[in-house]
Amino acid sequence: MKTLTLKFISLILLSTLLFSCSKEDDGIYFNENIEVINTTNVSYSAIETEILNLVNDHRISIGLSSLSTLNIVSSVADGHTNYMIEVNQINHDNFAQRSQTLINEANAKSVGENVAYGFTTAQGVVNGWLNSEDHRKIIEKPDYTHFGISTDSNSENRNYFTHIFIKK
């Protein structure tokens, strides 16, 4: 009887070990929420186009190459602009996630980001970035090859801006 009980307990322990550690129950789920980035409907407003041109004009004026627009970068920027409007706060929240998305989806080697709030003109926001040492460093980084932009306004017609730069 003692041998039978010992075998039964051993069987239960072995079953528990084998089945409780299955892949489905480890609490780690990969590729469950894959972000789909829509680049087919990317278009640029007049203010966005002007910002891109002003930044390229500035880069050329200091001997740097101009940057090419990449729709996937603008799509990722648009997601962040919408997020900032939703939380009613200018921020760089989730930058690591945006950066990783661009590394994975656009083959970016490095990523930089400038955000702004409240400016009413392209010249105003670009001047604001150029007058800030940290923002200017991103605009003037020689390694960057591509960029994207997103602007939108909240319910009070205040503009939010996300400008992302990448090196491919």
C-alpha atoms as a PDB file:
ATOM      1  CA  MET A   1       0.000   0.000   0.000  1.00  0.00           C
ATOM      2  CA  LYS A   2       2.828   2.359   0.906  1.00  0.00           C
ATOM      3  CA  THR A   3       4.514   1.669  -2.468  1.00  0.00           C
ATOM      4  CA  LEU A   4       1.271   2.301  -4.320  1.00  0.00           C
ATOM      5  CA  THR A   5       0.721   5.606  -2.498  1.00  0.00           C
ATOM      6  CA  LEU A   6       4.322   6.666  -3.189  1.00  0.00           C
ATOM      7  CA  LYS A   7       3.917   5.821  -6.895  1.00  0.00           C
ATOM      8  CA  PHE A   8       0.625   7.713  -7.042  1.00  0.00           C
ATOM      9  CA  ILE A   9       2.131  10.827  -5.430  1.00  0.00           C
ATOM     10  CA  SER A  10       5.127  10.609  -7.753  1.00  0.00           C
ATOM     11  CA  LEU A  11       2.793  10.373 -10.743  1.00  0.00           C
ATOM     12  CA  ILE A  12       0.848  13.438  -9.601  1.00  0.00           C
ATOM     13  CA  LEU A  13       4.058  15.449  -9.047  1.00  0.00           C
ATOM     14  CA  LEU A  14       5.442  14.400 -12.420  1.00  0.00           C
ATOM     15  CA  SER A  15       2.163  15.301 -14.154  1.00  0.00           C
ATOM     16  CA  THR A  16       2.091  18.663 -12.409  1.00  0.00           C
ATOM     17  CA  LEU A  17       5.632  19.455 -13.512  1.00  0.00           C
ATOM     18  CA  LEU A  18       5.044  18.365 -17.092  1.00  0.00           C
ATOM     19  CA  PHE A  19       1.741  20.138 -17.647  1.00  0.00           C
ATOM     20  CA  SER A  20       1.932  23.222 -15.427  1.00  0.00           C
ATOM     21  CA  CYS A  21       5.041  24.529 -17.168  1.00  0.00           C
ATOM     22  CA  SER A  22       3.607  24.387 -20.636  1.00  0.00           C
ATOM     23  CA  LYS A  23       4.380  27.197 -23.064  1.00  0.00           C
ATOM     24  CA  GLU A  24       0.794  28.466 -22.993  1.00  0.00           C
ATOM     25  CA  ASP A  25       0.857  29.027 -19.244  1.00  0.00           C
ATOM     26  CA  ASP A  26       4.170  30.835 -18.766  1.00  0.00           C
ATOM     27  CA  GLY A  27       2.598  34.310 -18.883  1.00  0.00           C
ATOM     28  CA  ILE A  28       4.769  35.421 -21.782  1.00  0.00           C
ATOM     29  CA  TYR A  29       3.022  35.943 -25.084  1.00  0.00           C
ATOM     30  CA  PHE A  30       4.942  37.052 -28.152  1.00  0.00           C
ATOM     31  CA  ASN A  31       3.478  38.763 -31.207  1.00  0.00           C
ATOM     32  CA  GLU A  32       0.054  38.928 -29.626  1.00  0.00           C
ATOM     33  CA  ASN A  33      -0.428  42.640 -30.275  1.00  0.00           C
ATOM     34  CA  ILE A  34       1.506  43.396 -33.421  1.00  0.00           C
ATOM     35  CA  GLU A  35       1.234  47.069 -34.262  1.00  0.00           C
ATOM     36  CA  VAL A  36       0.084  47.676 -37.795  1.00  0.00           C
ATOM     37  CA  ILE A  37       1.394  50.907 -39.246  1.00  0.00           C
ATOM     38  CA  ASN A  38      -0.705  52.381 -42.017  1.00  0.00           C
ATOM     39  CA  THR A  39       1.472  54.277 -44.488  1.00  0.00           C
ATOM     40  CA  THR A  40      -0.947  54.244 -47.405  1.00  0.00           C
ATOM     41  CA  ASN A  41      -2.910  57.283 -46.243  1.00  0.00           C
ATOM     42  CA  VAL A  42       0.011  59.510 -45.302  1.00  0.00           C
ATOM     43  CA  SER A  43      -0.345  63.021 -46.621  1.00  0.00           C
ATOM     44  CA  TYR A  44       1.334  66.219 -45.540  1.00  0.00           C
ATOM     45  CA  SER A  45      -0.471  69.396 -44.578  1.00  0.00           C
ATOM     46  CA  ALA A  46       0.868  72.777 -45.636  1.00  0.00           C
ATOM     47  CA  ILE A  47       2.407  73.416 -42.206  1.00  0.00           C
ATOM     48  CA  GLU A  48       4.040  69.964 -42.142  1.00  0.00           C
ATOM     49  CA  THR A  49       5.528  70.462 -45.616  1.00  0.00           C
ATOM     50  CA  GLU A  50       6.798  73.883 -44.608  1.00  0.00           C
ATOM     51  CA  ILE A  51       8.433  72.484 -41.442  1.00  0.00           C
ATOM     52  CA  LEU A  52      10.181  69.777 -43.462  1.00  0.00           C
ATOM     53  CA  ASN A  53      11.406  72.380 -45.970  1.00  0.00           C
ATOM     54  CA  LEU A  54      12.583  74.776 -43.257  1.00  0.00           C
ATOM     55  CA  VAL A  55      14.523  72.023 -41.488  1.00  0.00           C
ATOM     56  CA  ASN A  56      16.151  70.941 -44.756  1.00  0.00           C
ATOM     57  CA  ASP A  57      16.955  74.581 -45.645  1.00  0.00           C
ATOM     58  CA  HIS A  58      18.636  74.973 -42.249  1.00  0.00           C
ATOM     59  CA  ARG A  59      20.627  71.769 -42.636  1.00  0.00           C
ATOM     60  CA  ILE A  60      21.818  72.787 -46.110  1.00  0.00           C
ATOM     61  CA  SER A  61      22.763  76.285 -44.824  1.00  0.00           C
ATOM     62  CA  ILE A  62      25.219  74.717 -42.359  1.00  0.00           C
ATOM     63  CA  GLY A  63      26.671  72.248 -44.840  1.00  0.00           C
ATOM     64  CA  LEU A  64      24.620  69.166 -43.961  1.00  0.00           C
ATOM     65  CA  SER A  65      22.691  67.013 -46.402  1.00  0.00           C
ATOM     66  CA  SER A  66      18.957  67.371 -46.727  1.00  0.00           C
ATOM     67  CA  LEU A  67      16.754  64.606 -45.362  1.00  0.00           C
ATOM     68  CA  SER A  68      14.236  62.527 -47.282  1.00  0.00           C
ATOM     69  CA  THR A  69      10.688  62.142 -46.053  1.00  0.00           C
ATOM     70  CA  LEU A  70       9.727  58.589 -45.128  1.00  0.00           C
ATOM     71  CA  ASN A  71       6.005  57.881 -44.726  1.00  0.00           C
ATOM     72  CA  ILE A  72       6.463  55.221 -42.050  1.00  0.00           C
ATOM     73  CA  VAL A  73       8.286  57.769 -39.898  1.00  0.00           C
ATOM     74  CA  SER A  74       5.394  60.210 -40.315  1.00  0.00           C
ATOM     75  CA  SER A  75       2.907  57.461 -39.444  1.00  0.00           C
ATOM     76  CA  VAL A  76       4.754  56.700 -36.215  1.00  0.00           C
ATOM     77  CA  ALA A  77       4.964  60.443 -35.469  1.00  0.00           C
ATOM     78  CA  ASP A  78       1.229  60.748 -36.062  1.00  0.00           C
ATOM     79  CA  GLY A  79       0.525  58.096 -33.451  1.00  0.00           C
ATOM     80  CA  HIS A  80       2.500  60.090 -30.894  1.00  0.00           C
ATOM     81  CA  THR A  81       0.891  63.414 -31.799  1.00  0.00           C
ATOM     82  CA  ASN A  82      -2.543  61.840 -31.291  1.00  0.00           C
ATOM     83  CA  TYR A  83      -1.378  60.395 -27.962  1.00  0.00           C
ATOM     84  CA  MET A  84      -0.164  63.804 -26.740  1.00  0.00           C
ATOM     85  CA  ILE A  85      -3.518  65.351 -27.683  1.00  0.00           C
ATOM     86  CA  GLU A  86      -5.343  62.529 -25.899  1.00  0.00           C
ATOM     87  CA  VAL A  87      -3.401  63.012 -22.650  1.00  0.00           C
ATOM     88  CA  ASN A  88      -3.326  66.811 -23.133  1.00  0.00           C
ATOM     89  CA  GLN A  89       0.407  66.946 -22.455  1.00  0.00           C
ATOM     90  CA  ILE A  90       3.563  67.398 -24.505  1.00  0.00           C
ATOM     91  CA  ASN A  91       5.933  64.521 -23.832  1.00  0.00           C
ATOM     92  CA  HIS A  92       8.264  61.849 -25.154  1.00  0.00           C
ATOM     93  CA  ASP A  93       6.296  58.997 -23.536  1.00  0.00           C
ATOM     94  CA  ASN A  94       6.909  55.610 -25.168  1.00  0.00           C
ATOM     95  CA  PHE A  95       9.814  56.918 -27.256  1.00  0.00           C
ATOM     96  CA  ALA A  96      11.636  53.601 -26.845  1.00  0.00           C
ATOM     97  CA  GLN A  97       8.652  51.817 -28.403  1.00  0.00           C
ATOM     98  CA  ARG A  98       8.497  54.267 -31.346  1.00  0.00           C
ATOM     99  CA  SER A  99      12.220  53.916 -31.820  1.00  0.00           C
ATOM    100  CA  GLN A 100      12.048  50.116 -31.788  1.00  0.00           C
ATOM    101  CA  THR A 101       9.177  50.172 -34.280  1.00  0.00           C
ATOM    102  CA  LEU A 102      11.287  52.245 -36.669  1.00  0.00           C
ATOM    103  CA  ILE A 103      14.314  50.021 -36.136  1.00  0.00           C
ATOM    104  CA  ASN A 104      12.189  46.981 -36.987  1.00  0.00           C
ATOM    105  CA  GLU A 105       9.990  48.401 -39.736  1.00  0.00           C
ATOM    106  CA  ALA A 106      12.158  51.082 -41.385  1.00  0.00           C
ATOM    107  CA  ASN A 107      15.601  49.555 -40.742  1.00  0.00           C
ATOM    108  CA  ALA A 108      16.580  52.607 -38.701  1.00  0.00           C
ATOM    109  CA  LYS A 109      20.013  52.549 -37.093  1.00  0.00           C
ATOM    110  CA  SER A 110      19.242  55.495 -34.799  1.00  0.00           C
ATOM    111  CA  VAL A 111      16.194  57.600 -33.996  1.00  0.00           C
ATOM    112  CA  GLY A 112      15.705  61.134 -32.639  1.00  0.00           C
ATOM    113  CA  GLU A 113      12.569  63.073 -31.837  1.00  0.00           C
ATOM    114  CA  ASN A 114      11.490  66.672 -31.319  1.00  0.00           C
ATOM    115  CA  VAL A 115       8.053  67.551 -29.991  1.00  0.00           C
ATOM    116  CA  ALA A 116       6.380  70.914 -29.539  1.00  0.00           C
ATOM    117  CA  TYR A 117       3.074  72.442 -28.547  1.00  0.00           C
ATOM    118  CA  GLY A 118       1.209  75.666 -29.138  1.00  0.00           C
ATOM    119  CA  PHE A 119       3.062  77.152 -32.104  1.00  0.00           C
ATOM    120  CA  THR A 120       0.846  78.516 -34.864  1.00  0.00           C
ATOM    121  CA  THR A 121       3.359  78.665 -37.724  1.00  0.00           C
ATOM    122  CA  ALA A 122       5.992  76.400 -39.211  1.00  0.00           C
ATOM    123  CA  GLN A 123       8.629  79.107 -38.823  1.00  0.00           C
ATOM    124  CA  GLY A 124       7.675  79.536 -35.166  1.00  0.00           C
ATOM    125  CA  VAL A 125       8.053  75.863 -34.251  1.00  0.00           C
ATOM    126  CA  VAL A 126      11.302  75.469 -36.225  1.00  0.00           C
ATOM    127  CA  ASN A 127      12.716  78.613 -34.580  1.00  0.00           C
ATOM    128  CA  GLY A 128      11.679  77.222 -31.192  1.00  0.00           C
ATOM    129  CA  TRP A 129      13.551  73.989 -31.875  1.00  0.00           C
ATOM    130  CA  LEU A 130      16.619  75.786 -33.241  1.00  0.00           C
ATOM    131  CA  ASN A 131      16.722  78.081 -30.186  1.00  0.00           C
ATOM    132  CA  SER A 132      16.839  75.033 -27.901  1.00  0.00           C
ATOM    133  CA  GLU A 133      20.269  73.380 -27.758  1.00  0.00           C
ATOM    134  CA  ASP A 134      18.909  69.843 -27.330  1.00  0.00           C
ATOM    135  CA  HIS A 135      16.355  70.189 -30.124  1.00  0.00           C
ATOM    136  CA  ARG A 136      18.873  71.851 -32.443  1.00  0.00           C
ATOM    137  CA  LYS A 137      21.312  68.959 -31.911  1.00  0.00           C
ATOM    138  CA  ILE A 138      18.698  66.554 -33.237  1.00  0.00           C
ATOM    139  CA  ILE A 139      17.970  68.717 -36.288  1.00  0.00           C
ATOM    140  CA  GLU A 140      21.685  69.153 -36.972  1.00  0.00           C
ATOM    141  CA  LYS A 141      22.814  65.577 -36.392  1.00  0.00           C
ATOM    142  CA  PRO A 142      24.811  64.739 -39.545  1.00  0.00           C
ATOM    143  CA  ASP A 143      24.020  61.001 -39.430  1.00  0.00           C
ATOM    144  CA  TYR A 144      20.289  61.357 -40.005  1.00  0.00           C
ATOM    145  CA  THR A 145      19.068  60.439 -43.493  1.00  0.00           C
ATOM    146  CA  HIS A 146      15.255  60.533 -43.249  1.00  0.00           C
ATOM    147  CA  PHE A 147      12.532  62.225 -41.277  1.00  0.00           C
ATOM    148  CA  GLY A 148       8.800  62.396 -40.777  1.00  0.00           C
ATOM    149  CA  ILE A 149       6.401  64.863 -39.240  1.00  0.00           C
ATOM    150  CA  SER A 150       2.960  65.004 -37.705  1.00  0.00           C
ATOM    151  CA  THR A 151       0.944  67.988 -36.562  1.00  0.00           C
ATOM    152  CA  ASP A 152      -2.581  68.144 -35.296  1.00  0.00           C
ATOM    153  CA  SER A 153      -4.599  70.375 -33.023  1.00  0.00           C
ATOM    154  CA  ASN A 154      -6.656  69.622 -29.955  1.00  0.00           C
ATOM    155  CA  SER A 155     -10.245  70.716 -29.321  1.00  0.00           C
ATOM    156  CA  GLU A 156      -8.974  74.178 -28.310  1.00  0.00           C
ATOM    157  CA  ASN A 157      -7.116  74.529 -31.650  1.00  0.00           C
ATOM    158  CA  ARG A 158      -3.701  74.284 -30.003  1.00  0.00           C
ATOM    159  CA  ASN A 159      -1.152  72.616 -32.264  1.00  0.00           C
ATOM    160  CA  TYR A 160       0.917  69.594 -31.262  1.00  0.00           C
ATOM    161  CA  PHE A 161       3.994  68.551 -33.246  1.00  0.00           C
ATOM    162  CA  THR A 162       6.047  65.362 -33.445  1.00  0.00           C
ATOM    163  CA  HIS A 163       9.108  65.421 -35.702  1.00  0.00           C
ATOM    164  CA  ILE A 164      11.096  62.176 -35.899  1.00  0.00           C
ATOM    165  CA  PHE A 165      14.508  61.720 -37.507  1.00  0.00           C
ATOM    166  CA  ILE A 166      16.204  58.434 -38.381  1.00  0.00           C
ATOM    167  CA  LYS A 167      19.465  57.157 -39.780  1.00  0.00           C
ATOM    168  CA  LYS A 168      19.009  54.295 -42.245  1.00  0.00           C
END
